[in-house]
Amino acid sequence: MTFMELVNQMGIEMLVFAVCMFFGIRLIITKDVSIIKKEHPEEIKHPKEYAFYAGLIILFLGVAALVMGVVSFFNPVLAMVIIVGSVILMGLMWKYIYEKYA
């Protein structure tokens, strides 16, 4: 398999992975809540914890997208189940973090 075949098969997944890694690591390092909450970021009760855990959740979604891309080589239905499950799990984690720290 050549690099171009890999990009043709997993291009979007690799792009989503890269974007999620950028924003997740940026949130964890800078702890800047205004990245994800543009209006009234000062309303967050615990901004450092909220930014850290939100960054981890975004990293999780990026890794899930990459795993989906790899699994799609073998079983496209399982890849779809993985990404749908990951998005649902990400939503539940985000709700928990929002209720606890925001």
PDB file of N, CA and C in Angstrom:
ATOM      1  N   MET A   1       0.846  -1.172   0.000  1.00  0.00           N
ATOM      2  CA  MET A   1       0.000   0.000   0.000  1.00  0.00           C
ATOM      3  C   MET A   1       0.895   1.240   0.000  1.00  0.00           C
ATOM      4  N   THR A   2       0.624   2.129  -0.909  1.00  0.00           N
ATOM      5  CA  THR A   2       1.419   3.342  -1.012  1.00  0.00           C
ATOM      6  C   THR A   2       0.858   4.429  -0.093  1.00  0.00           C
ATOM      7  N   PHE A   3       1.619   5.488   0.050  1.00  0.00           N
ATOM      8  CA  PHE A   3       1.199   6.599   0.889  1.00  0.00           C
ATOM      9  C   PHE A   3      -0.059   7.259   0.341  1.00  0.00           C
ATOM     10  N   MET A   4      -0.156   7.367  -0.977  1.00  0.00           N
ATOM     11  CA  MET A   4      -1.342   7.999  -1.575  1.00  0.00           C
ATOM     12  C   MET A   4      -2.599   7.161  -1.355  1.00  0.00           C
ATOM     13  N   GLU A   5      -2.474   5.855  -1.402  1.00  0.00           N
ATOM     14  CA  GLU A   5      -3.637   5.003  -1.106  1.00  0.00           C
ATOM     15  C   GLU A   5      -4.064   5.176   0.347  1.00  0.00           C
ATOM     16  N   LEU A   6      -3.084   5.299   1.232  1.00  0.00           N
ATOM     17  CA  LEU A   6      -3.391   5.512   2.639  1.00  0.00           C
ATOM     18  C   LEU A   6      -4.099   6.849   2.847  1.00  0.00           C
ATOM     19  N   VAL A   7      -3.630   7.888   2.180  1.00  0.00           N
ATOM     20  CA  VAL A   7      -4.259   9.206   2.290  1.00  0.00           C
ATOM     21  C   VAL A   7      -5.660   9.180   1.681  1.00  0.00           C
ATOM     22  N   ASN A   8      -5.825   8.478   0.573  1.00  0.00           N
ATOM     23  CA  ASN A   8      -7.155   8.375  -0.036  1.00  0.00           C
ATOM     24  C   ASN A   8      -8.140   7.661   0.881  1.00  0.00           C
ATOM     25  N   GLN A   9      -7.669   6.664   1.610  1.00  0.00           N
ATOM     26  CA  GLN A   9      -8.549   5.888   2.489  1.00  0.00           C
ATOM     27  C   GLN A   9      -8.774   6.600   3.827  1.00  0.00           C
ATOM     28  N   MET A  10      -7.718   7.222   4.379  1.00  0.00           N
ATOM     29  CA  MET A  10      -7.793   7.772   5.738  1.00  0.00           C
ATOM     30  C   MET A  10      -7.539   9.273   5.801  1.00  0.00           C
ATOM     31  N   GLY A  11      -7.667   9.990   4.722  1.00  0.00           N
ATOM     32  CA  GLY A  11      -7.318  11.413   4.710  1.00  0.00           C
ATOM     33  C   GLY A  11      -8.114  12.241   5.692  1.00  0.00           C
ATOM     34  N   ILE A  12      -9.405  12.084   5.697  1.00  0.00           N
ATOM     35  CA  ILE A  12     -10.252  12.886   6.589  1.00  0.00           C
ATOM     36  C   ILE A  12     -10.011  12.510   8.045  1.00  0.00           C
ATOM     37  N   GLU A  13      -9.834  11.224   8.309  1.00  0.00           N
ATOM     38  CA  GLU A  13      -9.574  10.793   9.676  1.00  0.00           C
ATOM     39  C   GLU A  13      -8.256  11.366  10.193  1.00  0.00           C
ATOM     40  N   MET A  14      -7.235  11.390   9.337  1.00  0.00           N
ATOM     41  CA  MET A  14      -5.951  11.962   9.745  1.00  0.00           C
ATOM     42  C   MET A  14      -6.074  13.465   9.974  1.00  0.00           C
ATOM     43  N   LEU A  15      -6.875  14.133   9.171  1.00  0.00           N
ATOM     44  CA  LEU A  15      -7.094  15.567   9.351  1.00  0.00           C
ATOM     45  C   LEU A  15      -7.836  15.851  10.654  1.00  0.00           C
ATOM     46  N   VAL A  16      -8.869  15.082  10.948  1.00  0.00           N
ATOM     47  CA  VAL A  16      -9.607  15.244  12.202  1.00  0.00           C
ATOM     48  C   VAL A  16      -8.687  14.971  13.386  1.00  0.00           C
ATOM     49  N   PHE A  17      -7.846  13.938  13.272  1.00  0.00           N
ATOM     50  CA  PHE A  17      -6.884  13.626  14.320  1.00  0.00           C
ATOM     51  C   PHE A  17      -5.952  14.813  14.568  1.00  0.00           C
ATOM     52  N   ALA A  18      -5.420  15.387  13.505  1.00  0.00           N
ATOM     53  CA  ALA A  18      -4.476  16.505  13.641  1.00  0.00           C
ATOM     54  C   ALA A  18      -5.152  17.729  14.269  1.00  0.00           C
ATOM     55  N   VAL A  19      -6.363  18.046  13.847  1.00  0.00           N
ATOM     56  CA  VAL A  19      -7.078  19.207  14.393  1.00  0.00           C
ATOM     57  C   VAL A  19      -7.414  18.981  15.867  1.00  0.00           C
ATOM     58  N   CYS A  20      -7.878  17.785  16.198  1.00  0.00           N
ATOM     59  CA  CYS A  20      -8.200  17.489  17.597  1.00  0.00           C
ATOM     60  C   CYS A  20      -6.946  17.522  18.466  1.00  0.00           C
ATOM     61  N   MET A  21      -5.832  17.016  17.948  1.00  0.00           N
ATOM     62  CA  MET A  21      -4.588  17.060  18.714  1.00  0.00           C
ATOM     63  C   MET A  21      -4.169  18.509  18.957  1.00  0.00           C
ATOM     64  N   PHE A  22      -4.272  19.345  17.932  1.00  0.00           N
ATOM     65  CA  PHE A  22      -3.889  20.752  18.080  1.00  0.00           C
ATOM     66  C   PHE A  22      -4.719  21.435  19.156  1.00  0.00           C
ATOM     67  N   PHE A  23      -6.036  21.350  19.043  1.00  0.00           N
ATOM     68  CA  PHE A  23      -6.886  22.060  19.994  1.00  0.00           C
ATOM     69  C   PHE A  23      -6.861  21.424  21.376  1.00  0.00           C
ATOM     70  N   GLY A  24      -6.791  20.092  21.452  1.00  0.00           N
ATOM     71  CA  GLY A  24      -6.725  19.433  22.754  1.00  0.00           C
ATOM     72  C   GLY A  24      -5.467  19.776  23.511  1.00  0.00           C
ATOM     73  N   ILE A  25      -4.321  19.703  22.836  1.00  0.00           N
ATOM     74  CA  ILE A  25      -3.059  20.042  23.487  1.00  0.00           C
ATOM     75  C   ILE A  25      -3.011  21.526  23.819  1.00  0.00           C
ATOM     76  N   ARG A  26      -3.548  22.352  22.951  1.00  0.00           N
ATOM     77  CA  ARG A  26      -3.582  23.793  23.220  1.00  0.00           C
ATOM     78  C   ARG A  26      -4.417  24.091  24.463  1.00  0.00           C
ATOM     79  N   LEU A  27      -5.556  23.419  24.612  1.00  0.00           N
ATOM     80  CA  LEU A  27      -6.385  23.613  25.802  1.00  0.00           C
ATOM     81  C   LEU A  27      -5.660  23.149  27.060  1.00  0.00           C
ATOM     82  N   ILE A  28      -4.994  22.005  26.979  1.00  0.00           N
ATOM     83  CA  ILE A  28      -4.319  21.465  28.155  1.00  0.00           C
ATOM     84  C   ILE A  28      -3.156  22.359  28.576  1.00  0.00           C
ATOM     85  N   ILE A  29      -2.398  22.863  27.609  1.00  0.00           N
ATOM     86  CA  ILE A  29      -1.225  23.672  27.933  1.00  0.00           C
ATOM     87  C   ILE A  29      -1.613  25.081  28.376  1.00  0.00           C
ATOM     88  N   THR A  30      -2.459  25.758  27.595  1.00  0.00           N
ATOM     89  CA  THR A  30      -2.774  27.155  27.903  1.00  0.00           C
ATOM     90  C   THR A  30      -3.869  27.316  28.950  1.00  0.00           C
ATOM     91  N   LYS A  31      -4.718  26.309  29.101  1.00  0.00           N
ATOM     92  CA  LYS A  31      -5.865  26.362  30.018  1.00  0.00           C
ATOM     93  C   LYS A  31      -6.728  27.598  29.763  1.00  0.00           C
ATOM     94  N   ASP A  32      -6.889  27.939  28.489  1.00  0.00           N
ATOM     95  CA  ASP A  32      -7.649  29.111  28.074  1.00  0.00           C
ATOM     96  C   ASP A  32      -9.060  28.671  27.688  1.00  0.00           C
ATOM     97  N   VAL A  33     -10.011  28.934  28.555  1.00  0.00           N
ATOM     98  CA  VAL A  33     -11.389  28.493  28.353  1.00  0.00           C
ATOM     99  C   VAL A  33     -12.048  29.237  27.194  1.00  0.00           C
ATOM    100  N   SER A  34     -11.552  30.418  26.863  1.00  0.00           N
ATOM    101  CA  SER A  34     -12.173  31.199  25.791  1.00  0.00           C
ATOM    102  C   SER A  34     -12.032  30.514  24.427  1.00  0.00           C
ATOM    103  N   ILE A  35     -11.186  29.500  24.320  1.00  0.00           N
ATOM    104  CA  ILE A  35     -11.074  28.736  23.073  1.00  0.00           C
ATOM    105  C   ILE A  35     -12.387  28.017  22.778  1.00  0.00           C
ATOM    106  N   ILE A  36     -13.036  27.486  23.823  1.00  0.00           N
ATOM    107  CA  ILE A  36     -14.250  26.702  23.609  1.00  0.00           C
ATOM    108  C   ILE A  36     -15.520  27.430  24.051  1.00  0.00           C
ATOM    109  N   LYS A  37     -15.397  28.439  24.887  1.00  0.00           N
ATOM    110  CA  LYS A  37     -16.571  29.210  25.324  1.00  0.00           C
ATOM    111  C   LYS A  37     -16.314  30.672  25.004  1.00  0.00           C
ATOM    112  N   LYS A  38     -16.800  31.104  23.850  1.00  0.00           N
ATOM    113  CA  LYS A  38     -16.520  32.460  23.369  1.00  0.00           C
ATOM    114  C   LYS A  38     -17.294  33.529  24.138  1.00  0.00           C
ATOM    115  N   GLU A  39     -18.534  33.229  24.482  1.00  0.00           N
ATOM    116  CA  GLU A  39     -19.358  34.218  25.176  1.00  0.00           C
ATOM    117  C   GLU A  39     -19.291  33.990  26.681  1.00  0.00           C
ATOM    118  N   HIS A  40     -18.858  34.976  27.403  1.00  0.00           N
ATOM    119  CA  HIS A  40     -18.797  34.966  28.865  1.00  0.00           C
ATOM    120  C   HIS A  40     -17.955  33.809  29.418  1.00  0.00           C
ATOM    121  N   PRO A  41     -16.689  33.700  29.035  1.00  0.00           N
ATOM    122  CA  PRO A  41     -15.864  32.626  29.593  1.00  0.00           C
ATOM    123  C   PRO A  41     -15.597  32.799  31.086  1.00  0.00           C
ATOM    124  N   GLU A  42     -15.826  33.998  31.612  1.00  0.00           N
ATOM    125  CA  GLU A  42     -15.605  34.226  33.042  1.00  0.00           C
ATOM    126  C   GLU A  42     -16.659  33.554  33.913  1.00  0.00           C
ATOM    127  N   GLU A  43     -17.726  33.035  33.312  1.00  0.00           N
ATOM    128  CA  GLU A  43     -18.779  32.355  34.072  1.00  0.00           C
ATOM    129  C   GLU A  43     -18.373  30.950  34.511  1.00  0.00           C
ATOM    130  N   ILE A  44     -17.305  30.416  33.958  1.00  0.00           N
ATOM    131  CA  ILE A  44     -16.829  29.083  34.338  1.00  0.00           C
ATOM    132  C   ILE A  44     -16.264  29.152  35.754  1.00  0.00           C
ATOM    133  N   LYS A  45     -16.739  28.270  36.658  1.00  0.00           N
ATOM    134  CA  LYS A  45     -16.328  28.303  38.061  1.00  0.00           C
ATOM    135  C   LYS A  45     -14.875  27.854  38.236  1.00  0.00           C
ATOM    136  N   HIS A  46     -14.496  26.790  37.556  1.00  0.00           N
ATOM    137  CA  HIS A  46     -13.146  26.229  37.665  1.00  0.00           C
ATOM    138  C   HIS A  46     -12.533  26.154  36.265  1.00  0.00           C
ATOM    139  N   PRO A  47     -12.024  27.271  35.760  1.00  0.00           N
ATOM    140  CA  PRO A  47     -11.584  27.291  34.356  1.00  0.00           C
ATOM    141  C   PRO A  47     -10.390  26.391  34.053  1.00  0.00           C
ATOM    142  N   LYS A  48      -9.447  26.254  34.978  1.00  0.00           N
ATOM    143  CA  LYS A  48      -8.267  25.428  34.703  1.00  0.00           C
ATOM    144  C   LYS A  48      -8.638  23.949  34.586  1.00  0.00           C
ATOM    145  N   GLU A  49      -9.460  23.462  35.494  1.00  0.00           N
ATOM    146  CA  GLU A  49      -9.885  22.066  35.445  1.00  0.00           C
ATOM    147  C   GLU A  49     -10.770  21.807  34.229  1.00  0.00           C
ATOM    148  N   TYR A  50     -11.667  22.765  33.960  1.00  0.00           N
ATOM    149  CA  TYR A  50     -12.564  22.625  32.812  1.00  0.00           C
ATOM    150  C   TYR A  50     -11.770  22.543  31.510  1.00  0.00           C
ATOM    151  N   ALA A  51     -10.774  23.419  31.363  1.00  0.00           N
ATOM    152  CA  ALA A  51      -9.954  23.409  30.146  1.00  0.00           C
ATOM    153  C   ALA A  51      -9.140  22.120  30.043  1.00  0.00           C
ATOM    154  N   PHE A  52      -8.589  21.652  31.148  1.00  0.00           N
ATOM    155  CA  PHE A  52      -7.787  20.429  31.120  1.00  0.00           C
ATOM    156  C   PHE A  52      -8.624  19.226  30.684  1.00  0.00           C
ATOM    157  N   TYR A  53      -9.759  19.026  31.330  1.00  0.00           N
ATOM    158  CA  TYR A  53     -10.585  17.866  30.996  1.00  0.00           C
ATOM    159  C   TYR A  53     -11.246  17.995  29.623  1.00  0.00           C
ATOM    160  N   ALA A  54     -11.593  19.206  29.226  1.00  0.00           N
ATOM    161  CA  ALA A  54     -12.123  19.413  27.878  1.00  0.00           C
ATOM    162  C   ALA A  54     -11.054  19.075  26.841  1.00  0.00           C
ATOM    163  N   GLY A  55      -9.803  19.436  27.115  1.00  0.00           N
ATOM    164  CA  GLY A  55      -8.704  19.080  26.229  1.00  0.00           C
ATOM    165  C   GLY A  55      -8.532  17.573  26.120  1.00  0.00           C
ATOM    166  N   LEU A  56      -8.660  16.879  27.238  1.00  0.00           N
ATOM    167  CA  LEU A  56      -8.563  15.413  27.206  1.00  0.00           C
ATOM    168  C   LEU A  56      -9.693  14.790  26.387  1.00  0.00           C
ATOM    169  N   ILE A  57     -10.884  15.349  26.508  1.00  0.00           N
ATOM    170  CA  ILE A  57     -12.013  14.826  25.736  1.00  0.00           C
ATOM    171  C   ILE A  57     -11.784  15.045  24.243  1.00  0.00           C
ATOM    172  N   ILE A  58     -11.254  16.191  23.876  1.00  0.00           N
ATOM    173  CA  ILE A  58     -10.976  16.457  22.465  1.00  0.00           C
ATOM    174  C   ILE A  58      -9.874  15.520  21.959  1.00  0.00           C
ATOM    175  N   LEU A  59      -8.863  15.258  22.787  1.00  0.00           N
ATOM    176  CA  LEU A  59      -7.825  14.295  22.408  1.00  0.00           C
ATOM    177  C   LEU A  59      -8.424  12.903  22.200  1.00  0.00           C
ATOM    178  N   PHE A  60      -9.365  12.531  23.067  1.00  0.00           N
ATOM    179  CA  PHE A  60     -10.047  11.251  22.932  1.00  0.00           C
ATOM    180  C   PHE A  60     -10.760  11.143  21.583  1.00  0.00           C
ATOM    181  N   LEU A  61     -11.426  12.202  21.188  1.00  0.00           N
ATOM    182  CA  LEU A  61     -12.130  12.179  19.905  1.00  0.00           C
ATOM    183  C   LEU A  61     -11.145  12.060  18.737  1.00  0.00           C
ATOM    184  N   GLY A  62     -10.013  12.722  18.828  1.00  0.00           N
ATOM    185  CA  GLY A  62      -8.998  12.613  17.781  1.00  0.00           C
ATOM    186  C   GLY A  62      -8.449  11.206  17.656  1.00  0.00           C
ATOM    187  N   VAL A  63      -8.161  10.569  18.778  1.00  0.00           N
ATOM    188  CA  VAL A  63      -7.662   9.192  18.759  1.00  0.00           C
ATOM    189  C   VAL A  63      -8.747   8.253  18.233  1.00  0.00           C
ATOM    190  N   ALA A  64      -9.999   8.498  18.613  1.00  0.00           N
ATOM    191  CA  ALA A  64     -11.097   7.668  18.116  1.00  0.00           C
ATOM    192  C   ALA A  64     -11.238   7.792  16.604  1.00  0.00           C
ATOM    193  N   ALA A  65     -11.027   8.975  16.067  1.00  0.00           N
ATOM    194  CA  ALA A  65     -11.096   9.156  14.612  1.00  0.00           C
ATOM    195  C   ALA A  65      -9.982   8.384  13.924  1.00  0.00           C
ATOM    196  N   LEU A  66      -8.797   8.395  14.506  1.00  0.00           N
ATOM    197  CA  LEU A  66      -7.683   7.642  13.930  1.00  0.00           C
ATOM    198  C   LEU A  66      -7.926   6.138  14.008  1.00  0.00           C
ATOM    199  N   VAL A  67      -8.459   5.679  15.122  1.00  0.00           N
ATOM    200  CA  VAL A  67      -8.793   4.260  15.261  1.00  0.00           C
ATOM    201  C   VAL A  67      -9.862   3.881  14.245  1.00  0.00           C
ATOM    202  N   MET A  68     -10.842   4.754  14.050  1.00  0.00           N
ATOM    203  CA  MET A  68     -11.878   4.491  13.054  1.00  0.00           C
ATOM    204  C   MET A  68     -11.263   4.339  11.666  1.00  0.00           C
ATOM    205  N   GLY A  69     -10.305   5.183  11.333  1.00  0.00           N
ATOM    206  CA  GLY A  69      -9.649   5.092  10.035  1.00  0.00           C
ATOM    207  C   GLY A  69      -8.914   3.784   9.842  1.00  0.00           C
ATOM    208  N   VAL A  70      -8.233   3.322  10.884  1.00  0.00           N
ATOM    209  CA  VAL A  70      -7.505   2.052  10.789  1.00  0.00           C
ATOM    210  C   VAL A  70      -8.482   0.887  10.669  1.00  0.00           C
ATOM    211  N   VAL A  71      -9.531   0.902  11.476  1.00  0.00           N
ATOM    212  CA  VAL A  71     -10.515  -0.186  11.445  1.00  0.00           C
ATOM    213  C   VAL A  71     -11.273  -0.201  10.123  1.00  0.00           C
ATOM    214  N   SER A  72     -11.417   0.948   9.481  1.00  0.00           N
ATOM    215  CA  SER A  72     -12.156   0.997   8.218  1.00  0.00           C
ATOM    216  C   SER A  72     -11.484   0.191   7.112  1.00  0.00           C
ATOM    217  N   PHE A  73     -10.183  -0.087   7.248  1.00  0.00           N
ATOM    218  CA  PHE A  73      -9.509  -0.949   6.276  1.00  0.00           C
ATOM    219  C   PHE A  73     -10.053  -2.379   6.336  1.00  0.00           C
ATOM    220  N   PHE A  74     -10.472  -2.805   7.508  1.00  0.00           N
ATOM    221  CA  PHE A  74     -10.883  -4.187   7.715  1.00  0.00           C
ATOM    222  C   PHE A  74     -12.393  -4.372   7.731  1.00  0.00           C
ATOM    223  N   ASN A  75     -13.112  -3.451   8.394  1.00  0.00           N
ATOM    224  CA  ASN A  75     -14.553  -3.594   8.532  1.00  0.00           C
ATOM    225  C   ASN A  75     -15.189  -2.200   8.615  1.00  0.00           C
ATOM    226  N   PRO A  76     -15.800  -1.733   7.527  1.00  0.00           N
ATOM    227  CA  PRO A  76     -16.372  -0.381   7.533  1.00  0.00           C
ATOM    228  C   PRO A  76     -17.543  -0.212   8.501  1.00  0.00           C
ATOM    229  N   VAL A  77     -18.310  -1.268   8.712  1.00  0.00           N
ATOM    230  CA  VAL A  77     -19.456  -1.163   9.630  1.00  0.00           C
ATOM    231  C   VAL A  77     -18.951  -0.992  11.060  1.00  0.00           C
ATOM    232  N   LEU A  78     -17.951  -1.756  11.437  1.00  0.00           N
ATOM    233  CA  LEU A  78     -17.379  -1.629  12.771  1.00  0.00           C
ATOM    234  C   LEU A  78     -16.750  -0.251  12.968  1.00  0.00           C
ATOM    235  N   ALA A  79     -16.131   0.279  11.926  1.00  0.00           N
ATOM    236  CA  ALA A  79     -15.558   1.625  12.007  1.00  0.00           C
ATOM    237  C   ALA A  79     -16.643   2.660  12.277  1.00  0.00           C
ATOM    238  N   MET A  80     -17.782   2.516  11.628  1.00  0.00           N
ATOM    239  CA  MET A  80     -18.889   3.447  11.850  1.00  0.00           C
ATOM    240  C   MET A  80     -19.433   3.312  13.274  1.00  0.00           C
ATOM    241  N   VAL A  81     -19.525   2.090  13.761  1.00  0.00           N
ATOM    242  CA  VAL A  81     -19.988   1.867  15.132  1.00  0.00           C
ATOM    243  C   VAL A  81     -19.017   2.500  16.127  1.00  0.00           C
ATOM    244  N   ILE A  82     -17.726   2.371  15.864  1.00  0.00           N
ATOM    245  CA  ILE A  82     -16.718   2.944  16.761  1.00  0.00           C
ATOM    246  C   ILE A  82     -16.848   4.460  16.827  1.00  0.00           C
ATOM    247  N   ILE A  83     -16.981   5.120  15.698  1.00  0.00           N
ATOM    248  CA  ILE A  83     -17.026   6.586  15.728  1.00  0.00           C
ATOM    249  C   ILE A  83     -18.344   7.091  16.307  1.00  0.00           C
ATOM    250  N   VAL A  84     -19.444   6.415  16.024  1.00  0.00           N
ATOM    251  CA  VAL A  84     -20.725   6.829  16.611  1.00  0.00           C
ATOM    252  C   VAL A  84     -20.689   6.637  18.127  1.00  0.00           C
ATOM    253  N   GLY A  85     -20.164   5.506  18.564  1.00  0.00           N
ATOM    254  CA  GLY A  85     -20.025   5.257  20.004  1.00  0.00           C
ATOM    255  C   GLY A  85     -19.107   6.263  20.667  1.00  0.00           C
ATOM    256  N   SER A  86     -18.035   6.617  19.976  1.00  0.00           N
ATOM    257  CA  SER A  86     -17.091   7.597  20.530  1.00  0.00           C
ATOM    258  C   SER A  86     -17.717   8.977  20.657  1.00  0.00           C
ATOM    259  N   VAL A  87     -18.493   9.374  19.662  1.00  0.00           N
ATOM    260  CA  VAL A  87     -19.158  10.679  19.733  1.00  0.00           C
ATOM    261  C   VAL A  87     -20.188  10.696  20.861  1.00  0.00           C
ATOM    262  N   ILE A  88     -20.914   9.613  21.037  1.00  0.00           N
ATOM    263  CA  ILE A  88     -21.880   9.534  22.138  1.00  0.00           C
ATOM    264  C   ILE A  88     -21.155   9.582  23.476  1.00  0.00           C
ATOM    265  N   LEU A  89     -20.072   8.822  23.598  1.00  0.00           N
ATOM    266  CA  LEU A  89     -19.289   8.825  24.827  1.00  0.00           C
ATOM    267  C   LEU A  89     -18.680  10.198  25.085  1.00  0.00           C
ATOM    268  N   MET A  90     -18.221  10.868  24.036  1.00  0.00           N
ATOM    269  CA  MET A  90     -17.669  12.208  24.188  1.00  0.00           C
ATOM    270  C   MET A  90     -18.747  13.171  24.697  1.00  0.00           C
ATOM    271  N   GLY A  91     -19.952  13.061  24.170  1.00  0.00           N
ATOM    272  CA  GLY A  91     -21.048  13.911  24.635  1.00  0.00           C
ATOM    273  C   GLY A  91     -21.375  13.689  26.101  1.00  0.00           C
ATOM    274  N   LEU A  92     -21.359  12.436  26.518  1.00  0.00           N
ATOM    275  CA  LEU A  92     -21.621  12.133  27.932  1.00  0.00           C
ATOM    276  C   LEU A  92     -20.500  12.662  28.828  1.00  0.00           C
ATOM    277  N   MET A  93     -19.257  12.500  28.387  1.00  0.00           N
ATOM    278  CA  MET A  93     -18.138  13.017  29.169  1.00  0.00           C
ATOM    279  C   MET A  93     -18.195  14.534  29.244  1.00  0.00           C
ATOM    280  N   TRP A  94     -18.530  15.173  28.123  1.00  0.00           N
ATOM    281  CA  TRP A  94     -18.601  16.634  28.108  1.00  0.00           C
ATOM    282  C   TRP A  94     -19.700  17.125  29.056  1.00  0.00           C
ATOM    283  N   LYS A  95     -20.823  16.437  29.077  1.00  0.00           N
ATOM    284  CA  LYS A  95     -21.925  16.809  29.976  1.00  0.00           C
ATOM    285  C   LYS A  95     -21.473  16.690  31.425  1.00  0.00           C
ATOM    286  N   TYR A  96     -20.764  15.610  31.744  1.00  0.00           N
ATOM    287  CA  TYR A  96     -20.286  15.414  33.107  1.00  0.00           C
ATOM    288  C   TYR A  96     -19.293  16.501  33.503  1.00  0.00           C
ATOM    289  N   ILE A  97     -18.344  16.814  32.631  1.00  0.00           N
ATOM    290  CA  ILE A  97     -17.345  17.833  32.920  1.00  0.00           C
ATOM    291  C   ILE A  97     -18.021  19.208  33.053  1.00  0.00           C
ATOM    292  N   TYR A  98     -18.974  19.491  32.185  1.00  0.00           N
ATOM    293  CA  TYR A  98     -19.664  20.783  32.246  1.00  0.00           C
ATOM    294  C   TYR A  98     -20.422  20.935  33.565  1.00  0.00           C
ATOM    295  N   GLU A  99     -21.111  19.859  33.984  1.00  0.00           N
ATOM    296  CA  GLU A  99     -21.859  19.930  35.232  1.00  0.00           C
ATOM    297  C   GLU A  99     -20.937  20.056  36.448  1.00  0.00           C
ATOM    298  N   LYS A 100     -19.757  19.448  36.365  1.00  0.00           N
ATOM    299  CA  LYS A 100     -18.864  19.444  37.515  1.00  0.00           C
ATOM    300  C   LYS A 100     -18.043  20.727  37.639  1.00  0.00           C
ATOM    301  N   TYR A 101     -17.545  21.264  36.506  1.00  0.00           N
ATOM    302  CA  TYR A 101     -16.603  22.385  36.558  1.00  0.00           C
ATOM    303  C   TYR A 101     -17.141  23.705  36.023  1.00  0.00           C
ATOM    304  N   ALA A 102     -18.239  23.706  35.304  1.00  0.00           N
ATOM    305  CA  ALA A 102     -18.710  24.962  34.694  1.00  0.00           C
ATOM    306  C   ALA A 102     -19.821  25.603  35.493  1.00  0.00           C
TER     307      ALA A 102
END
